[in-house]
Amino acid sequence: MEDIEDLDDIFPHHFAERYFPCRHGQIEFVLFQSRLAALAWLRSSVSRSIDDEILRLEQEKEEPHNEPSGLEGEVNLALTESIYMLDSDTRGITSGAIIAAAVAALEALVHQLLTSSEIKKLHHKGFNQKLRTLEVRWKNRIDSNRLHERVEWLRSRRNSFAHRLLDESMFAYWTEDRIREFELSDEEVEQALLYVGEVAEMLEDAAAQDH
């Protein structure tokens, strides 16, 4: 078999290991790990595809073409616009979608960790209240400051993506300066996956002490 460092290329499920290793085997966390692996694989695959397509288009710009005389400028403009679209809109939408999906996976995990009575009580409540319920349950097992810091970071990036999809210029309170703070890049996706995994690990360690 190939070098162990190349496991990501052999087993897509291994993509989650660097973010959330799932040490205790509780079913809710196993399912979460699988979702995280799917998102990490998707991020890697799309990023590679974008890079490959940009490289192909850049090579096209350098090669001579057989287009009719006078159309050279239009062809070059089309190639330039395509490269820009891939490197900006496509990367941004992909990054934001993966961040949003990762936060949704975390929200699903929190919901699954609630008891039946807690689910009934919190049926119409949001993620914050549900997470707070677990935080109170495991108050001596979770670093609340670190938990809140990670969740707030994730929420701000997810919300930034949502406003971009709706066209941030429509929202006077969502200023352009603030949006620039959260560029939805490949690096932001990496940080989001790390933070989602970190929050899940805090919850997993706390839950493990109940068994």
C-alpha atoms as a PDB file:
ATOM      1  CA  MET A   1       0.000   0.000   0.000  1.00  0.00           C
ATOM      2  CA  GLU A   2       1.103   3.588  -0.540  1.00  0.00           C
ATOM      3  CA  ASP A   3       2.702   5.766   2.113  1.00  0.00           C
ATOM      4  CA  ILE A   4       0.396   6.348   5.088  1.00  0.00           C
ATOM      5  CA  GLU A   5       0.612  10.111   4.446  1.00  0.00           C
ATOM      6  CA  ASP A   6      -1.298   9.590   1.186  1.00  0.00           C
ATOM      7  CA  LEU A   7      -4.339   8.040   2.888  1.00  0.00           C
ATOM      8  CA  ASP A   8      -6.494  11.019   1.890  1.00  0.00           C
ATOM      9  CA  ASP A   9      -6.026  10.049  -1.759  1.00  0.00           C
ATOM     10  CA  ILE A  10      -6.964   6.413  -1.043  1.00  0.00           C
ATOM     11  CA  PHE A  11      -9.773   6.679   1.515  1.00  0.00           C
ATOM     12  CA  PRO A  12     -12.040   9.753   1.298  1.00  0.00           C
ATOM     13  CA  HIS A  13     -13.325   9.038   4.810  1.00  0.00           C
ATOM     14  CA  HIS A  14      -9.812   9.745   6.113  1.00  0.00           C
ATOM     15  CA  PHE A  15     -10.240  13.429   5.212  1.00  0.00           C
ATOM     16  CA  ALA A  16     -11.869  14.091   8.609  1.00  0.00           C
ATOM     17  CA  GLU A  17      -8.978  12.788  10.675  1.00  0.00           C
ATOM     18  CA  ARG A  18      -7.040  16.050  10.801  1.00  0.00           C
ATOM     19  CA  TYR A  19     -10.151  17.930  11.966  1.00  0.00           C
ATOM     20  CA  PHE A  20     -11.956  15.459  14.187  1.00  0.00           C
ATOM     21  CA  PRO A  21     -10.480  11.999  14.910  1.00  0.00           C
ATOM     22  CA  CYS A  22     -13.546  10.730  16.864  1.00  0.00           C
ATOM     23  CA  ARG A  23     -11.735   9.014  19.716  1.00  0.00           C
ATOM     24  CA  HIS A  24     -14.628   7.550  21.710  1.00  0.00           C
ATOM     25  CA  GLY A  25     -16.843   6.002  19.033  1.00  0.00           C
ATOM     26  CA  GLN A  26     -20.176   7.421  20.203  1.00  0.00           C
ATOM     27  CA  ILE A  27     -22.610   7.104  17.307  1.00  0.00           C
ATOM     28  CA  GLU A  28     -23.554  10.806  17.141  1.00  0.00           C
ATOM     29  CA  PHE A  29     -19.901  11.726  16.730  1.00  0.00           C
ATOM     30  CA  VAL A  30     -19.241   8.950  14.216  1.00  0.00           C
ATOM     31  CA  LEU A  31     -22.013  10.371  12.026  1.00  0.00           C
ATOM     32  CA  PHE A  32     -20.628  13.881  12.468  1.00  0.00           C
ATOM     33  CA  GLN A  33     -17.158  12.713  11.484  1.00  0.00           C
ATOM     34  CA  SER A  34     -18.559  11.195   8.288  1.00  0.00           C
ATOM     35  CA  ARG A  35     -20.240  14.489   7.370  1.00  0.00           C
ATOM     36  CA  LEU A  36     -17.047  16.388   8.077  1.00  0.00           C
ATOM     37  CA  ALA A  37     -15.074  13.960   5.913  1.00  0.00           C
ATOM     38  CA  ALA A  38     -17.523  14.526   3.055  1.00  0.00           C
ATOM     39  CA  LEU A  39     -17.102  18.307   3.326  1.00  0.00           C
ATOM     40  CA  ALA A  40     -13.313  18.119   3.579  1.00  0.00           C
ATOM     41  CA  TRP A  41     -13.196  15.832   0.536  1.00  0.00           C
ATOM     42  CA  LEU A  42     -15.521  18.145  -1.389  1.00  0.00           C
ATOM     43  CA  ARG A  43     -13.397  21.168  -0.513  1.00  0.00           C
ATOM     44  CA  SER A  44     -10.218  19.422  -1.671  1.00  0.00           C
ATOM     45  CA  SER A  45     -11.767  18.087  -4.886  1.00  0.00           C
ATOM     46  CA  VAL A  46     -13.367  21.381  -5.924  1.00  0.00           C
ATOM     47  CA  SER A  47     -10.245  23.377  -5.095  1.00  0.00           C
ATOM     48  CA  ARG A  48      -8.129  21.062  -7.232  1.00  0.00           C
ATOM     49  CA  SER A  49     -10.634  21.238 -10.082  1.00  0.00           C
ATOM     50  CA  ILE A  50     -10.642  25.042  -9.986  1.00  0.00           C
ATOM     51  CA  ASP A  51      -6.835  25.150  -9.980  1.00  0.00           C
ATOM     52  CA  ASP A  52      -6.652  22.716 -12.914  1.00  0.00           C
ATOM     53  CA  GLU A  53      -9.220  24.670 -14.948  1.00  0.00           C
ATOM     54  CA  ILE A  54      -7.500  28.001 -14.289  1.00  0.00           C
ATOM     55  CA  LEU A  55      -4.186  26.486 -15.398  1.00  0.00           C
ATOM     56  CA  ARG A  56      -5.827  25.171 -18.582  1.00  0.00           C
ATOM     57  CA  LEU A  57      -7.356  28.559 -19.388  1.00  0.00           C
ATOM     58  CA  GLU A  58      -4.059  30.374 -18.721  1.00  0.00           C
ATOM     59  CA  GLN A  59      -2.314  28.000 -21.107  1.00  0.00           C
ATOM     60  CA  GLU A  60      -5.045  28.678 -23.667  1.00  0.00           C
ATOM     61  CA  LYS A  61      -4.246  32.389 -23.428  1.00  0.00           C
ATOM     62  CA  GLU A  62      -0.615  31.700 -24.246  1.00  0.00           C
ATOM     63  CA  GLU A  63      -1.285  29.458 -27.247  1.00  0.00           C
ATOM     64  CA  PRO A  64      -2.040  30.701 -30.776  1.00  0.00           C
ATOM     65  CA  HIS A  65      -5.664  30.326 -31.934  1.00  0.00           C
ATOM     66  CA  ASN A  66      -7.366  29.987 -35.299  1.00  0.00           C
ATOM     67  CA  GLU A  67     -10.191  32.419 -34.646  1.00  0.00           C
ATOM     68  CA  PRO A  68     -11.102  34.829 -37.479  1.00  0.00           C
ATOM     69  CA  SER A  69      -9.070  38.001 -37.696  1.00  0.00           C
ATOM     70  CA  GLY A  70     -10.335  40.707 -35.398  1.00  0.00           C
ATOM     71  CA  LEU A  71     -11.743  38.327 -32.793  1.00  0.00           C
ATOM     72  CA  GLU A  72      -8.495  37.772 -30.930  1.00  0.00           C
ATOM     73  CA  GLY A  73      -9.381  40.418 -28.361  1.00  0.00           C
ATOM     74  CA  GLU A  74     -12.797  38.905 -27.686  1.00  0.00           C
ATOM     75  CA  VAL A  75     -11.333  35.433 -27.177  1.00  0.00           C
ATOM     76  CA  ASN A  76      -8.687  36.779 -24.829  1.00  0.00           C
ATOM     77  CA  LEU A  77     -11.320  38.743 -22.898  1.00  0.00           C
ATOM     78  CA  ALA A  78     -13.516  35.644 -22.555  1.00  0.00           C
ATOM     79  CA  LEU A  79     -10.586  33.640 -21.200  1.00  0.00           C
ATOM     80  CA  THR A  80      -9.670  36.412 -18.749  1.00  0.00           C
ATOM     81  CA  GLU A  81     -13.247  36.726 -17.506  1.00  0.00           C
ATOM     82  CA  SER A  82     -13.509  32.955 -17.074  1.00  0.00           C
ATOM     83  CA  ILE A  83     -10.328  32.854 -15.019  1.00  0.00           C
ATOM     84  CA  TYR A  84     -11.574  35.704 -12.842  1.00  0.00           C
ATOM     85  CA  MET A  85     -14.948  34.013 -12.321  1.00  0.00           C
ATOM     86  CA  LEU A  86     -13.312  30.760 -11.206  1.00  0.00           C
ATOM     87  CA  ASP A  87     -10.789  32.469  -8.964  1.00  0.00           C
ATOM     88  CA  SER A  88     -13.301  34.790  -7.299  1.00  0.00           C
ATOM     89  CA  ASP A  89     -16.993  33.855  -7.499  1.00  0.00           C
ATOM     90  CA  THR A  90     -16.527  30.097  -7.787  1.00  0.00           C
ATOM     91  CA  ARG A  91     -13.986  29.903  -4.984  1.00  0.00           C
ATOM     92  CA  GLY A  92     -16.050  32.232  -2.792  1.00  0.00           C
ATOM     93  CA  ILE A  93     -19.339  30.396  -3.299  1.00  0.00           C
ATOM     94  CA  THR A  94     -17.704  27.007  -2.761  1.00  0.00           C
ATOM     95  CA  SER A  95     -15.903  28.185   0.378  1.00  0.00           C
ATOM     96  CA  GLY A  96     -19.026  29.775   1.831  1.00  0.00           C
ATOM     97  CA  ALA A  97     -21.184  26.746   1.073  1.00  0.00           C
ATOM     98  CA  ILE A  98     -18.739  24.395   2.779  1.00  0.00           C
ATOM     99  CA  ILE A  99     -18.492  26.664   5.833  1.00  0.00           C
ATOM    100  CA  ALA A 100     -22.297  26.870   6.041  1.00  0.00           C
ATOM    101  CA  ALA A 101     -22.621  23.094   5.687  1.00  0.00           C
ATOM    102  CA  ALA A 102     -19.956  22.491   8.342  1.00  0.00           C
ATOM    103  CA  VAL A 103     -21.812  24.749  10.796  1.00  0.00           C
ATOM    104  CA  ALA A 104     -25.047  22.919   9.939  1.00  0.00           C
ATOM    105  CA  ALA A 105     -23.348  19.590  10.690  1.00  0.00           C
ATOM    106  CA  LEU A 106     -22.301  20.967  14.087  1.00  0.00           C
ATOM    107  CA  GLU A 107     -25.841  22.181  14.757  1.00  0.00           C
ATOM    108  CA  ALA A 108     -27.156  18.698  13.891  1.00  0.00           C
ATOM    109  CA  LEU A 109     -24.660  17.139  16.293  1.00  0.00           C
ATOM    110  CA  VAL A 110     -25.754  19.431  19.123  1.00  0.00           C
ATOM    111  CA  HIS A 111     -29.408  18.572  18.454  1.00  0.00           C
ATOM    112  CA  GLN A 112     -28.648  14.839  18.525  1.00  0.00           C
ATOM    113  CA  LEU A 113     -26.907  15.158  21.899  1.00  0.00           C
ATOM    114  CA  LEU A 114     -30.040  16.559  23.548  1.00  0.00           C
ATOM    115  CA  THR A 115     -32.367  14.311  25.518  1.00  0.00           C
ATOM    116  CA  SER A 116     -35.938  13.724  24.334  1.00  0.00           C
ATOM    117  CA  SER A 117     -37.303  16.106  26.947  1.00  0.00           C
ATOM    118  CA  GLU A 118     -34.748  18.768  26.009  1.00  0.00           C
ATOM    119  CA  ILE A 119     -35.625  18.420  22.318  1.00  0.00           C
ATOM    120  CA  LYS A 120     -39.307  18.870  23.121  1.00  0.00           C
ATOM    121  CA  LYS A 121     -38.586  21.906  25.288  1.00  0.00           C
ATOM    122  CA  LEU A 122     -36.228  23.482  22.727  1.00  0.00           C
ATOM    123  CA  HIS A 123     -38.204  22.510  19.636  1.00  0.00           C
ATOM    124  CA  HIS A 124     -38.583  26.086  18.371  1.00  0.00           C
ATOM    125  CA  LYS A 125     -35.308  27.376  19.787  1.00  0.00           C
ATOM    126  CA  GLY A 126     -32.137  28.131  17.887  1.00  0.00           C
ATOM    127  CA  PHE A 127     -28.642  26.724  17.956  1.00  0.00           C
ATOM    128  CA  ASN A 128     -27.445  29.010  20.764  1.00  0.00           C
ATOM    129  CA  GLN A 129     -30.063  27.822  23.234  1.00  0.00           C
ATOM    130  CA  LYS A 130     -29.438  24.171  22.382  1.00  0.00           C
ATOM    131  CA  LEU A 131     -25.689  24.548  22.755  1.00  0.00           C
ATOM    132  CA  ARG A 132     -26.205  26.430  26.007  1.00  0.00           C
ATOM    133  CA  THR A 133     -28.208  23.464  27.343  1.00  0.00           C
ATOM    134  CA  LEU A 134     -25.251  21.154  26.758  1.00  0.00           C
ATOM    135  CA  GLU A 135     -22.882  23.720  28.195  1.00  0.00           C
ATOM    136  CA  VAL A 136     -24.917  23.865  31.415  1.00  0.00           C
ATOM    137  CA  ARG A 137     -25.165  20.066  31.556  1.00  0.00           C
ATOM    138  CA  TRP A 138     -21.395  19.734  31.261  1.00  0.00           C
ATOM    139  CA  LYS A 139     -20.437  23.024  32.931  1.00  0.00           C
ATOM    140  CA  ASN A 140     -17.312  21.625  34.596  1.00  0.00           C
ATOM    141  CA  ARG A 141     -16.152  19.778  31.498  1.00  0.00           C
ATOM    142  CA  ILE A 142     -16.150  22.459  28.780  1.00  0.00           C
ATOM    143  CA  ASP A 143     -14.003  25.543  28.338  1.00  0.00           C
ATOM    144  CA  SER A 144     -16.861  28.027  27.836  1.00  0.00           C
ATOM    145  CA  ASN A 145     -14.662  30.902  26.672  1.00  0.00           C
ATOM    146  CA  ARG A 146     -13.008  28.823  23.969  1.00  0.00           C
ATOM    147  CA  LEU A 147     -16.358  27.320  22.957  1.00  0.00           C
ATOM    148  CA  HIS A 148     -18.004  30.743  22.561  1.00  0.00           C
ATOM    149  CA  GLU A 149     -15.022  32.131  20.671  1.00  0.00           C
ATOM    150  CA  ARG A 150     -15.042  29.290  18.139  1.00  0.00           C
ATOM    151  CA  VAL A 151     -18.818  29.353  17.656  1.00  0.00           C
ATOM    152  CA  GLU A 152     -18.879  33.134  17.187  1.00  0.00           C
ATOM    153  CA  TRP A 153     -16.115  32.896  14.565  1.00  0.00           C
ATOM    154  CA  LEU A 154     -18.060  30.235  12.681  1.00  0.00           C
ATOM    155  CA  ARG A 155     -21.340  32.143  12.916  1.00  0.00           C
ATOM    156  CA  SER A 156     -19.800  35.353  11.568  1.00  0.00           C
ATOM    157  CA  ARG A 157     -18.401  33.576   8.487  1.00  0.00           C
ATOM    158  CA  ARG A 158     -21.623  31.713   7.812  1.00  0.00           C
ATOM    159  CA  ASN A 159     -23.653  34.925   8.088  1.00  0.00           C
ATOM    160  CA  SER A 160     -21.228  36.769   5.836  1.00  0.00           C
ATOM    161  CA  PHE A 161     -21.741  34.114   3.166  1.00  0.00           C
ATOM    162  CA  ALA A 162     -25.535  34.320   3.482  1.00  0.00           C
ATOM    163  CA  HIS A 163     -25.488  38.098   2.971  1.00  0.00           C
ATOM    164  CA  ARG A 164     -23.220  37.801  -0.036  1.00  0.00           C
ATOM    165  CA  LEU A 165     -25.619  35.377  -1.696  1.00  0.00           C
ATOM    166  CA  LEU A 166     -28.421  37.897  -1.170  1.00  0.00           C
ATOM    167  CA  ASP A 167     -26.217  40.772  -2.413  1.00  0.00           C
ATOM    168  CA  GLU A 168     -24.698  42.639   0.523  1.00  0.00           C
ATOM    169  CA  SER A 169     -25.401  45.999  -1.130  1.00  0.00           C
ATOM    170  CA  MET A 170     -29.071  45.527  -0.209  1.00  0.00           C
ATOM    171  CA  PHE A 171     -28.228  45.559   3.503  1.00  0.00           C
ATOM    172  CA  ALA A 172     -27.220  48.984   4.757  1.00  0.00           C
ATOM    173  CA  TYR A 173     -26.184  47.643   8.154  1.00  0.00           C
ATOM    174  CA  TRP A 174     -23.906  45.017   6.629  1.00  0.00           C
ATOM    175  CA  THR A 175     -21.166  47.399   5.567  1.00  0.00           C
ATOM    176  CA  GLU A 176     -18.590  46.726   2.909  1.00  0.00           C
ATOM    177  CA  ASP A 177     -15.785  47.232   5.413  1.00  0.00           C
ATOM    178  CA  ARG A 178     -17.143  44.511   7.659  1.00  0.00           C
ATOM    179  CA  ILE A 179     -17.535  42.054   4.793  1.00  0.00           C
ATOM    180  CA  ARG A 180     -13.902  42.508   3.832  1.00  0.00           C
ATOM    181  CA  GLU A 181     -12.956  41.096   7.229  1.00  0.00           C
ATOM    182  CA  PHE A 182     -14.338  37.718   6.194  1.00  0.00           C
ATOM    183  CA  GLU A 183     -12.920  36.871   2.797  1.00  0.00           C
ATOM    184  CA  LEU A 184     -14.283  33.405   2.026  1.00  0.00           C
ATOM    185  CA  SER A 185     -11.033  31.846   0.893  1.00  0.00           C
ATOM    186  CA  ASP A 186      -9.571  28.363   1.025  1.00  0.00           C
ATOM    187  CA  GLU A 187      -7.747  29.407   4.200  1.00  0.00           C
ATOM    188  CA  GLU A 188     -11.040  30.406   5.839  1.00  0.00           C
ATOM    189  CA  VAL A 189     -12.520  27.008   4.975  1.00  0.00           C
ATOM    190  CA  GLU A 190      -9.534  25.281   6.550  1.00  0.00           C
ATOM    191  CA  GLN A 191      -9.947  27.343   9.717  1.00  0.00           C
ATOM    192  CA  ALA A 192     -13.691  26.662   9.784  1.00  0.00           C
ATOM    193  CA  LEU A 193     -13.181  22.900   9.529  1.00  0.00           C
ATOM    194  CA  LEU A 194     -10.594  23.055  12.307  1.00  0.00           C
ATOM    195  CA  TYR A 195     -12.919  25.069  14.566  1.00  0.00           C
ATOM    196  CA  VAL A 196     -15.943  22.865  13.875  1.00  0.00           C
ATOM    197  CA  GLY A 197     -13.825  19.841  14.724  1.00  0.00           C
ATOM    198  CA  GLU A 198     -12.509  21.539  17.849  1.00  0.00           C
ATOM    199  CA  VAL A 199     -16.009  22.292  19.146  1.00  0.00           C
ATOM    200  CA  ALA A 200     -17.094  18.721  18.393  1.00  0.00           C
ATOM    201  CA  GLU A 201     -14.039  17.418  20.255  1.00  0.00           C
ATOM    202  CA  MET A 202     -14.954  19.476  23.328  1.00  0.00           C
ATOM    203  CA  LEU A 203     -18.455  18.024  23.238  1.00  0.00           C
ATOM    204  CA  GLU A 204     -17.172  14.504  22.656  1.00  0.00           C
ATOM    205  CA  ASP A 205     -14.791  14.634  25.628  1.00  0.00           C
ATOM    206  CA  ALA A 206     -17.587  15.985  27.842  1.00  0.00           C
ATOM    207  CA  ALA A 207     -20.097  13.349  26.673  1.00  0.00           C
ATOM    208  CA  ALA A 208     -17.593  10.533  27.146  1.00  0.00           C
ATOM    209  CA  GLN A 209     -17.530  11.182  30.901  1.00  0.00           C
ATOM    210  CA  ASP A 210     -21.214  10.208  31.099  1.00  0.00           C
ATOM    211  CA  HIS A 211     -20.378   6.634  30.075  1.00  0.00           C
END
